[in-house]
Amino acid sequence: MTYEDDYVKREWVVDWAEDDSICKEKDRVLFLGSRDRVEILCEGNPVYGVGMYDGMSRTIEGENGYKISIIAEKPLRIEFKAQGGVIAGSWTAEDHMTGHEDTE
């Protein structure tokens, strides 16, 4: 898989979030930019700062202390975790891309 396949070409919707998370339940999450300068948007607003995609682990790690990982394949799910620093909160999101072949 590539950065585009794993994150960009998906329709991510937050399905769980801690109270102190910037992204809230039911927010739409977008991943923009290149694999070396990943930008994350929640409900169209830039959040969390720039990150970098690692193709081997299929994760995105942010310069200011966060990590996004794929935690399930069917349906595709990701998890955001703060790893110290100035960012608080965690959340998970599920791919809601229409017409995909994932089944539960």
Protein backbone atom coordinates (compact mmCIF):
# COMPACT_ATOMS: atom_id res chain seq x y z
CA MET A 1 0.00 0.00 0.00
CA THR A 2 1.00 3.60 -0.47
CA TYR A 3 0.34 6.74 1.56
CA GLU A 4 -2.41 7.66 -0.90
CA ASP A 5 -4.04 4.22 -0.66
CA ASP A 6 -3.74 4.03 3.13
CA TYR A 7 -4.89 7.54 4.02
CA VAL A 8 -5.57 10.08 1.23
CA LYS A 9 -8.09 8.17 -0.91
CA ARG A 10 -10.28 7.35 2.10
CA GLU A 11 -13.30 8.97 3.74
CA TRP A 12 -12.36 8.91 7.41
CA VAL A 13 -14.99 9.56 10.10
CA VAL A 14 -14.07 9.67 13.80
CA ASP A 15 -16.05 6.96 15.63
CA TRP A 16 -14.55 7.47 19.11
CA ALA A 17 -12.65 10.34 20.74
CA GLU A 18 -11.41 11.25 24.20
CA ASP A 19 -12.93 14.40 25.67
CA ASP A 20 -9.73 16.42 25.21
CA SER A 21 -9.20 15.48 21.54
CA ILE A 22 -9.26 18.18 18.89
CA CYS A 23 -11.07 15.80 16.50
CA LYS A 24 -14.47 14.87 17.89
CA GLU A 25 -16.81 11.95 17.27
CA LYS A 26 -18.40 12.10 13.78
CA ASP A 27 -15.80 14.60 12.50
CA ARG A 28 -14.53 13.98 8.98
CA VAL A 29 -10.74 13.62 8.80
CA LEU A 30 -8.73 14.35 5.66
CA PHE A 31 -5.08 13.67 4.92
CA LEU A 32 -3.43 16.07 2.46
CA GLY A 33 0.06 16.80 1.20
CA SER A 34 2.89 14.47 0.37
CA ARG A 35 4.09 11.47 2.35
CA ASP A 36 6.94 13.65 3.68
CA ARG A 37 4.65 16.54 4.71
CA VAL A 38 1.32 15.07 5.77
CA GLU A 39 -1.34 17.58 6.79
CA ILE A 40 -4.36 16.46 8.84
CA LEU A 41 -7.72 18.25 8.71
CA CYS A 42 -10.68 17.71 11.03
CA GLU A 43 -13.89 19.15 9.64
CA GLY A 44 -11.78 21.12 7.17
CA ASN A 45 -9.53 22.73 9.80
CA PRO A 46 -5.79 21.98 9.92
CA VAL A 47 -4.86 20.24 13.18
CA TYR A 48 -1.84 18.61 14.86
CA GLY A 49 0.93 19.97 12.61
CA VAL A 50 2.96 18.30 9.89
CA GLY A 51 3.65 14.59 9.94
CA MET A 52 5.59 12.04 7.92
CA TYR A 53 4.28 8.74 6.51
CA ASP A 54 6.36 5.57 7.03
CA GLY A 55 5.50 3.02 4.37
CA MET A 56 7.02 0.07 6.24
CA SER A 57 4.81 0.51 9.33
CA ARG A 58 1.98 2.35 7.48
CA THR A 59 2.03 5.01 10.21
CA ILE A 60 2.15 8.80 10.28
CA GLU A 61 4.30 10.44 12.96
CA GLY A 62 4.06 14.13 13.73
CA GLU A 63 6.89 16.51 14.48
CA ASN A 64 5.10 17.64 17.63
CA GLY A 65 4.40 14.25 19.19
CA TYR A 66 1.60 12.19 17.64
CA LYS A 67 1.29 8.87 15.83
CA ILE A 68 -1.47 7.57 13.57
CA SER A 69 -1.60 3.82 12.96
CA ILE A 70 -3.79 1.43 11.01
CA ILE A 71 -5.36 -0.83 13.64
CA ALA A 72 -7.76 -2.92 11.52
CA GLU A 73 -8.10 -3.85 7.84
CA LYS A 74 -11.80 -4.76 7.40
CA PRO A 75 -13.22 -2.26 7.78
CA LEU A 76 -10.11 -0.11 7.61
CA ARG A 77 -9.59 1.75 10.91
CA ILE A 78 -6.95 4.14 12.18
CA GLU A 79 -5.97 5.32 15.65
CA PHE A 80 -4.53 8.70 16.64
CA LYS A 81 -2.41 8.79 19.80
CA ALA A 82 -0.63 11.70 21.39
CA GLN A 83 2.88 10.76 22.43
CA GLY A 84 3.61 13.56 24.86
CA GLY A 85 4.35 17.12 23.95
CA VAL A 86 1.65 19.73 23.47
CA ILE A 87 -1.02 17.46 21.97
CA ALA A 88 -3.65 15.73 24.10
CA GLY A 89 -6.34 13.18 23.38
CA SER A 90 -6.75 10.07 21.28
CA TRP A 91 -9.31 9.01 18.70
CA THR A 92 -10.14 6.28 16.20
CA ALA A 93 -11.71 6.63 12.76
CA GLU A 94 -13.22 4.25 10.25
CA ASP A 95 -13.05 4.42 6.46
CA HIS A 96 -16.48 5.29 5.03
CA MET A 97 -15.47 5.23 1.38
CA THR A 98 -18.48 4.32 -0.72
CA GLY A 99 -18.18 1.38 -3.05
CA HIS A 100 -15.24 -0.26 -1.32
CA GLU A 101 -15.12 -4.02 -0.89
CA ASP A 102 -14.46 -4.18 2.86
CA THR A 103 -17.01 -6.19 4.78
CA GLU A 104 -17.47 -6.74 8.48
